[in-house]
Amino acid sequence: MQLNIPNTLTWARIVLIPLFVGVFYLPANWLGMADKNFWACVMFILAAITDWFDGYLARKLGQTSAFGAFLDPVADKLMVGAALVMLVELGRVDALIAFVIIGREITISALREWMAQVGASRSVAVSFIGKLKTTAQMIAIPVLLYDGTLFGFSVRQTGTVLIWVAAVLTLWSMGYYLKRAAVALSEVEKS
């Protein structure tokens, strides 16, 4: 395991996960719900920023590594999964939405692993639709964690719409990746 700036940022993201979840378990006399929402939202946003920043720095500083390539998506999935489970617990996200998003992440991770083993990993490289899904998801989750009023209006409805958009894009992108993998696998079998 190589310890460099990008990997340190990824580890920091993993450390933030129990912190932003744990905020909701603090006694109410320590922190009111509005403050819990605010701090969980801030920590999730910090974690999301480190996600972008660690990849950027790894490329910019020439510090890419096999361990970093493994750890980064694991940290992403843990972060999103923990947030979705917490949002279901808080009654802000439907369990079906969480199941669709988490299930897709597990399915595509397994698919990418399998495709790498058969030498066809390029067929399931990140697509534009996958990036759109991630964008909708990474905006929806902190908005739903915040769950307050911003500029005079409640943001929960916006977060709910965005998480549904993310769920639709999740299914669409999963179908896209599965179709590409099927084509690649049929070509591998022919050769």
C-alpha atoms as a PDB file:
ATOM      1  CA  MET A   1       0.000   0.000   0.000  1.00  0.00           C
ATOM      2  CA  GLN A   2       1.514   3.261  -1.163  1.00  0.00           C
ATOM      3  CA  LEU A   3       0.782   6.227   1.115  1.00  0.00           C
ATOM      4  CA  ASN A   4       0.664   9.393  -0.940  1.00  0.00           C
ATOM      5  CA  ILE A   5      -1.523  12.495  -1.028  1.00  0.00           C
ATOM      6  CA  PRO A   6      -4.313  10.998  -3.192  1.00  0.00           C
ATOM      7  CA  ASN A   7      -4.513   7.811  -1.098  1.00  0.00           C
ATOM      8  CA  THR A   8      -4.487   9.872   2.113  1.00  0.00           C
ATOM      9  CA  LEU A   9      -7.462  11.866   0.802  1.00  0.00           C
ATOM     10  CA  THR A  10      -9.281   8.623  -0.015  1.00  0.00           C
ATOM     11  CA  TRP A  11      -8.630   7.348   3.512  1.00  0.00           C
ATOM     12  CA  ALA A  12      -9.907  10.691   4.870  1.00  0.00           C
ATOM     13  CA  ARG A  13     -13.120  10.140   2.909  1.00  0.00           C
ATOM     14  CA  ILE A  14     -13.522   6.712   4.496  1.00  0.00           C
ATOM     15  CA  VAL A  15     -12.945   8.216   7.961  1.00  0.00           C
ATOM     16  CA  LEU A  16     -15.654  10.832   7.294  1.00  0.00           C
ATOM     17  CA  ILE A  17     -18.282   8.115   6.695  1.00  0.00           C
ATOM     18  CA  PRO A  18     -18.821   7.071  10.323  1.00  0.00           C
ATOM     19  CA  LEU A  19     -18.578  10.723  11.355  1.00  0.00           C
ATOM     20  CA  PHE A  20     -21.399  11.951   9.119  1.00  0.00           C
ATOM     21  CA  VAL A  21     -23.540   8.944  10.047  1.00  0.00           C
ATOM     22  CA  GLY A  22     -22.631   9.242  13.739  1.00  0.00           C
ATOM     23  CA  VAL A  23     -23.788  12.853  13.912  1.00  0.00           C
ATOM     24  CA  PHE A  24     -27.384  11.600  13.748  1.00  0.00           C
ATOM     25  CA  TYR A  25     -26.833   9.421  16.824  1.00  0.00           C
ATOM     26  CA  LEU A  26     -25.680  12.257  19.054  1.00  0.00           C
ATOM     27  CA  PRO A  27     -28.080  13.080  21.885  1.00  0.00           C
ATOM     28  CA  ALA A  28     -30.614  15.778  21.009  1.00  0.00           C
ATOM     29  CA  ASN A  29     -29.414  17.943  23.908  1.00  0.00           C
ATOM     30  CA  TRP A  30     -25.930  17.991  22.324  1.00  0.00           C
ATOM     31  CA  LEU A  31     -27.066  18.822  18.814  1.00  0.00           C
ATOM     32  CA  GLY A  32     -30.537  19.580  17.495  1.00  0.00           C
ATOM     33  CA  MET A  33     -31.806  17.930  14.304  1.00  0.00           C
ATOM     34  CA  ALA A  34     -31.208  21.025  12.166  1.00  0.00           C
ATOM     35  CA  ASP A  35     -27.569  21.098  13.315  1.00  0.00           C
ATOM     36  CA  LYS A  36     -27.197  17.352  12.780  1.00  0.00           C
ATOM     37  CA  ASN A  37     -28.516  17.789   9.243  1.00  0.00           C
ATOM     38  CA  PHE A  38     -26.160  20.686   8.599  1.00  0.00           C
ATOM     39  CA  TRP A  39     -23.021  18.923   9.870  1.00  0.00           C
ATOM     40  CA  ALA A  40     -23.825  15.636   8.105  1.00  0.00           C
ATOM     41  CA  CYS A  41     -24.330  17.594   4.882  1.00  0.00           C
ATOM     42  CA  VAL A  42     -21.032  19.458   5.331  1.00  0.00           C
ATOM     43  CA  MET A  43     -19.106  16.243   6.009  1.00  0.00           C
ATOM     44  CA  PHE A  44     -20.677  14.507   3.007  1.00  0.00           C
ATOM     45  CA  ILE A  45     -19.761  17.447   0.771  1.00  0.00           C
ATOM     46  CA  LEU A  46     -16.174  17.384   2.100  1.00  0.00           C
ATOM     47  CA  ALA A  47     -16.008  13.668   1.361  1.00  0.00           C
ATOM     48  CA  ALA A  48     -17.372  14.254  -2.155  1.00  0.00           C
ATOM     49  CA  ILE A  49     -14.796  16.994  -2.765  1.00  0.00           C
ATOM     50  CA  THR A  50     -11.972  14.672  -1.713  1.00  0.00           C
ATOM     51  CA  ASP A  51     -13.328  12.170  -4.247  1.00  0.00           C
ATOM     52  CA  TRP A  52     -12.762  14.613  -7.088  1.00  0.00           C
ATOM     53  CA  PHE A  53      -9.552  16.014  -5.619  1.00  0.00           C
ATOM     54  CA  ASP A  54      -7.789  12.687  -4.985  1.00  0.00           C
ATOM     55  CA  GLY A  55      -8.236  11.611  -8.602  1.00  0.00           C
ATOM     56  CA  TYR A  56      -7.105  14.980  -9.898  1.00  0.00           C
ATOM     57  CA  LEU A  57      -3.993  14.967  -7.694  1.00  0.00           C
ATOM     58  CA  ALA A  58      -3.147  11.356  -8.541  1.00  0.00           C
ATOM     59  CA  ARG A  59      -3.041  12.255 -12.241  1.00  0.00           C
ATOM     60  CA  LYS A  60      -1.427  15.688 -11.780  1.00  0.00           C
ATOM     61  CA  LEU A  61       1.324  14.443  -9.428  1.00  0.00           C
ATOM     62  CA  GLY A  62       1.832  11.143 -11.217  1.00  0.00           C
ATOM     63  CA  GLN A  63       0.826   9.287  -8.046  1.00  0.00           C
ATOM     64  CA  THR A  64      -1.622   6.818  -9.500  1.00  0.00           C
ATOM     65  CA  SER A  65      -1.389   3.343  -8.018  1.00  0.00           C
ATOM     66  CA  ALA A  66      -3.168   0.000  -8.219  1.00  0.00           C
ATOM     67  CA  PHE A  67      -4.105   0.361  -4.543  1.00  0.00           C
ATOM     68  CA  GLY A  68      -5.552   3.844  -5.146  1.00  0.00           C
ATOM     69  CA  ALA A  69      -7.497   2.573  -8.159  1.00  0.00           C
ATOM     70  CA  PHE A  70      -8.961  -0.139  -5.912  1.00  0.00           C
ATOM     71  CA  LEU A  71      -9.617   2.004  -2.822  1.00  0.00           C
ATOM     72  CA  ASP A  72     -11.201   5.024  -4.532  1.00  0.00           C
ATOM     73  CA  PRO A  73     -14.348   3.287  -5.858  1.00  0.00           C
ATOM     74  CA  VAL A  74     -14.672   1.308  -2.610  1.00  0.00           C
ATOM     75  CA  ALA A  75     -14.686   4.582  -0.660  1.00  0.00           C
ATOM     76  CA  ASP A  76     -17.274   6.023  -3.082  1.00  0.00           C
ATOM     77  CA  LYS A  77     -19.605   3.080  -2.683  1.00  0.00           C
ATOM     78  CA  LEU A  78     -19.247   3.036   1.101  1.00  0.00           C
ATOM     79  CA  MET A  79     -19.942   6.762   1.262  1.00  0.00           C
ATOM     80  CA  VAL A  80     -23.032   6.652  -0.959  1.00  0.00           C
ATOM     81  CA  GLY A  81     -24.328   3.433   0.614  1.00  0.00           C
ATOM     82  CA  ALA A  82     -23.968   4.778   4.159  1.00  0.00           C
ATOM     83  CA  ALA A  83     -25.698   8.028   3.220  1.00  0.00           C
ATOM     84  CA  LEU A  84     -28.582   6.222   1.521  1.00  0.00           C
ATOM     85  CA  VAL A  85     -29.101   3.851   4.445  1.00  0.00           C
ATOM     86  CA  MET A  86     -29.103   6.836   6.800  1.00  0.00           C
ATOM     87  CA  LEU A  87     -31.573   8.715   4.584  1.00  0.00           C
ATOM     88  CA  VAL A  88     -33.885   5.678   4.553  1.00  0.00           C
ATOM     89  CA  GLU A  89     -33.615   5.519   8.358  1.00  0.00           C
ATOM     90  CA  LEU A  90     -34.529   9.223   8.537  1.00  0.00           C
ATOM     91  CA  GLY A  91     -37.514   8.713   6.210  1.00  0.00           C
ATOM     92  CA  ARG A  92     -36.103  10.981   3.496  1.00  0.00           C
ATOM     93  CA  VAL A  93     -35.458   8.347   0.817  1.00  0.00           C
ATOM     94  CA  ASP A  94     -37.618   5.389  -0.119  1.00  0.00           C
ATOM     95  CA  ALA A  95     -35.969   2.005   0.533  1.00  0.00           C
ATOM     96  CA  LEU A  96     -36.634   1.032  -3.099  1.00  0.00           C
ATOM     97  CA  ILE A  97     -34.484   3.937  -4.313  1.00  0.00           C
ATOM     98  CA  ALA A  98     -31.661   2.950  -1.959  1.00  0.00           C
ATOM     99  CA  PHE A  99     -31.927  -0.673  -3.099  1.00  0.00           C
ATOM    100  CA  VAL A 100     -31.778   0.310  -6.791  1.00  0.00           C
ATOM    101  CA  ILE A 101     -28.738   2.566  -6.344  1.00  0.00           C
ATOM    102  CA  ILE A 102     -26.807   0.261  -3.997  1.00  0.00           C
ATOM    103  CA  GLY A 103     -27.738  -2.831  -6.012  1.00  0.00           C
ATOM    104  CA  ARG A 104     -26.514  -1.206  -9.211  1.00  0.00           C
ATOM    105  CA  GLU A 105     -23.204  -0.283  -7.589  1.00  0.00           C
ATOM    106  CA  ILE A 106     -22.635  -3.874  -6.470  1.00  0.00           C
ATOM    107  CA  THR A 107     -23.690  -5.268  -9.861  1.00  0.00           C
ATOM    108  CA  ILE A 108     -21.489  -2.935 -11.900  1.00  0.00           C
ATOM    109  CA  SER A 109     -18.515  -3.447  -9.566  1.00  0.00           C
ATOM    110  CA  ALA A 110     -18.832  -7.209 -10.005  1.00  0.00           C
ATOM    111  CA  LEU A 111     -19.268  -6.778 -13.761  1.00  0.00           C
ATOM    112  CA  ARG A 112     -16.146  -4.615 -14.006  1.00  0.00           C
ATOM    113  CA  GLU A 113     -14.179  -7.223 -12.036  1.00  0.00           C
ATOM    114  CA  TRP A 114     -15.372  -9.999 -14.324  1.00  0.00           C
ATOM    115  CA  MET A 115     -14.714  -7.992 -17.486  1.00  0.00           C
ATOM    116  CA  ALA A 116     -11.182  -7.223 -16.266  1.00  0.00           C
ATOM    117  CA  GLN A 117     -10.581 -10.956 -15.805  1.00  0.00           C
ATOM    118  CA  VAL A 118     -11.580 -11.689 -19.401  1.00  0.00           C
ATOM    119  CA  GLY A 119      -9.557  -8.739 -20.723  1.00  0.00           C
ATOM    120  CA  ALA A 120     -12.534  -6.626 -21.744  1.00  0.00           C
ATOM    121  CA  SER A 121     -12.534  -3.931 -19.053  1.00  0.00           C
ATOM    122  CA  ARG A 122     -12.697  -1.123 -21.619  1.00  0.00           C
ATOM    123  CA  SER A 123     -16.215  -2.190 -22.525  1.00  0.00           C
ATOM    124  CA  VAL A 124     -17.460  -1.125 -19.081  1.00  0.00           C
ATOM    125  CA  ALA A 125     -15.413   2.050 -18.686  1.00  0.00           C
ATOM    126  CA  VAL A 126     -17.243   5.001 -17.132  1.00  0.00           C
ATOM    127  CA  SER A 127     -19.769   6.464 -19.570  1.00  0.00           C
ATOM    128  CA  PHE A 128     -21.450   9.850 -19.874  1.00  0.00           C
ATOM    129  CA  ILE A 129     -24.721   8.425 -18.531  1.00  0.00           C
ATOM    130  CA  GLY A 130     -22.809   7.058 -15.530  1.00  0.00           C
ATOM    131  CA  LYS A 131     -21.359  10.503 -14.895  1.00  0.00           C
ATOM    132  CA  LEU A 132     -24.835  12.072 -15.101  1.00  0.00           C
ATOM    133  CA  LYS A 133     -26.102   9.511 -12.586  1.00  0.00           C
ATOM    134  CA  THR A 134     -23.245  10.298 -10.231  1.00  0.00           C
ATOM    135  CA  THR A 135     -23.834  14.048 -10.562  1.00  0.00           C
ATOM    136  CA  ALA A 136     -27.569  13.757  -9.780  1.00  0.00           C
ATOM    137  CA  GLN A 137     -26.800  11.452  -6.859  1.00  0.00           C
ATOM    138  CA  MET A 138     -24.016  13.641  -5.437  1.00  0.00           C
ATOM    139  CA  ILE A 139     -26.303  16.688  -5.482  1.00  0.00           C
ATOM    140  CA  ALA A 140     -29.388  14.860  -4.172  1.00  0.00           C
ATOM    141  CA  ILE A 141     -27.713  13.207  -1.178  1.00  0.00           C
ATOM    142  CA  PRO A 142     -26.329  16.337   0.507  1.00  0.00           C
ATOM    143  CA  VAL A 143     -29.570  18.201  -0.229  1.00  0.00           C
ATOM    144  CA  LEU A 144     -31.522  15.394   1.472  1.00  0.00           C
ATOM    145  CA  LEU A 145     -29.043  15.287   4.354  1.00  0.00           C
ATOM    146  CA  TYR A 146     -29.461  19.044   4.826  1.00  0.00           C
ATOM    147  CA  ASP A 147     -33.263  18.789   4.716  1.00  0.00           C
ATOM    148  CA  GLY A 148     -33.807  22.409   5.664  1.00  0.00           C
ATOM    149  CA  THR A 149     -34.843  25.713   4.222  1.00  0.00           C
ATOM    150  CA  LEU A 150     -32.559  27.514   1.821  1.00  0.00           C
ATOM    151  CA  PHE A 151     -33.375  30.980   0.471  1.00  0.00           C
ATOM    152  CA  GLY A 152     -36.887  30.658   1.865  1.00  0.00           C
ATOM    153  CA  PHE A 153     -37.897  27.293   0.452  1.00  0.00           C
ATOM    154  CA  SER A 154     -37.640  23.693   1.618  1.00  0.00           C
ATOM    155  CA  VAL A 155     -34.983  21.753  -0.278  1.00  0.00           C
ATOM    156  CA  ARG A 156     -36.395  18.287   0.446  1.00  0.00           C
ATOM    157  CA  GLN A 157     -38.607  18.287  -2.650  1.00  0.00           C
ATOM    158  CA  THR A 158     -35.622  19.184  -4.847  1.00  0.00           C
ATOM    159  CA  GLY A 159     -33.566  16.420  -3.237  1.00  0.00           C
ATOM    160  CA  THR A 160     -36.403  13.924  -3.693  1.00  0.00           C
ATOM    161  CA  VAL A 161     -36.765  14.752  -7.390  1.00  0.00           C
ATOM    162  CA  LEU A 162     -32.998  14.506  -7.881  1.00  0.00           C
ATOM    163  CA  ILE A 163     -32.726  11.150  -6.095  1.00  0.00           C
ATOM    164  CA  TRP A 164     -35.511   9.770  -8.326  1.00  0.00           C
ATOM    165  CA  VAL A 165     -33.667  11.134 -11.365  1.00  0.00           C
ATOM    166  CA  ALA A 166     -30.509   9.452 -10.043  1.00  0.00           C
ATOM    167  CA  ALA A 167     -32.422   6.164  -9.644  1.00  0.00           C
ATOM    168  CA  VAL A 168     -33.714   6.303 -13.234  1.00  0.00           C
ATOM    169  CA  LEU A 169     -30.219   7.146 -14.514  1.00  0.00           C
ATOM    170  CA  THR A 170     -28.881   4.325 -12.326  1.00  0.00           C
ATOM    171  CA  LEU A 171     -31.092   1.774 -14.090  1.00  0.00           C
ATOM    172  CA  TRP A 172     -30.357   3.293 -17.490  1.00  0.00           C
ATOM    173  CA  SER A 173     -26.602   3.227 -16.940  1.00  0.00           C
ATOM    174  CA  MET A 174     -26.755  -0.337 -15.592  1.00  0.00           C
ATOM    175  CA  GLY A 175     -28.588  -1.428 -18.744  1.00  0.00           C
ATOM    176  CA  TYR A 176     -26.001   0.378 -20.847  1.00  0.00           C
ATOM    177  CA  TYR A 177     -23.074  -1.331 -19.086  1.00  0.00           C
ATOM    178  CA  LEU A 178     -24.715  -4.760 -19.199  1.00  0.00           C
ATOM    179  CA  LYS A 179     -25.404  -4.388 -22.929  1.00  0.00           C
ATOM    180  CA  ARG A 180     -21.799  -3.322 -23.619  1.00  0.00           C
ATOM    181  CA  ALA A 181     -20.497  -6.210 -21.526  1.00  0.00           C
ATOM    182  CA  ALA A 182     -22.686  -8.706 -23.390  1.00  0.00           C
ATOM    183  CA  VAL A 183     -21.317  -7.486 -26.732  1.00  0.00           C
ATOM    184  CA  ALA A 184     -17.723  -7.651 -25.446  1.00  0.00           C
ATOM    185  CA  LEU A 185     -18.261 -11.136 -24.005  1.00  0.00           C
ATOM    186  CA  SER A 186     -19.685 -12.429 -27.283  1.00  0.00           C
ATOM    187  CA  GLU A 187     -16.586 -11.101 -29.073  1.00  0.00           C
ATOM    188  CA  VAL A 188     -14.312 -12.757 -26.487  1.00  0.00           C
ATOM    189  CA  GLU A 189     -16.120 -16.074 -26.976  1.00  0.00           C
ATOM    190  CA  LYS A 190     -15.692 -15.859 -30.775  1.00  0.00           C
ATOM    191  CA  SER A 191     -11.930 -15.436 -30.504  1.00  0.00           C
END
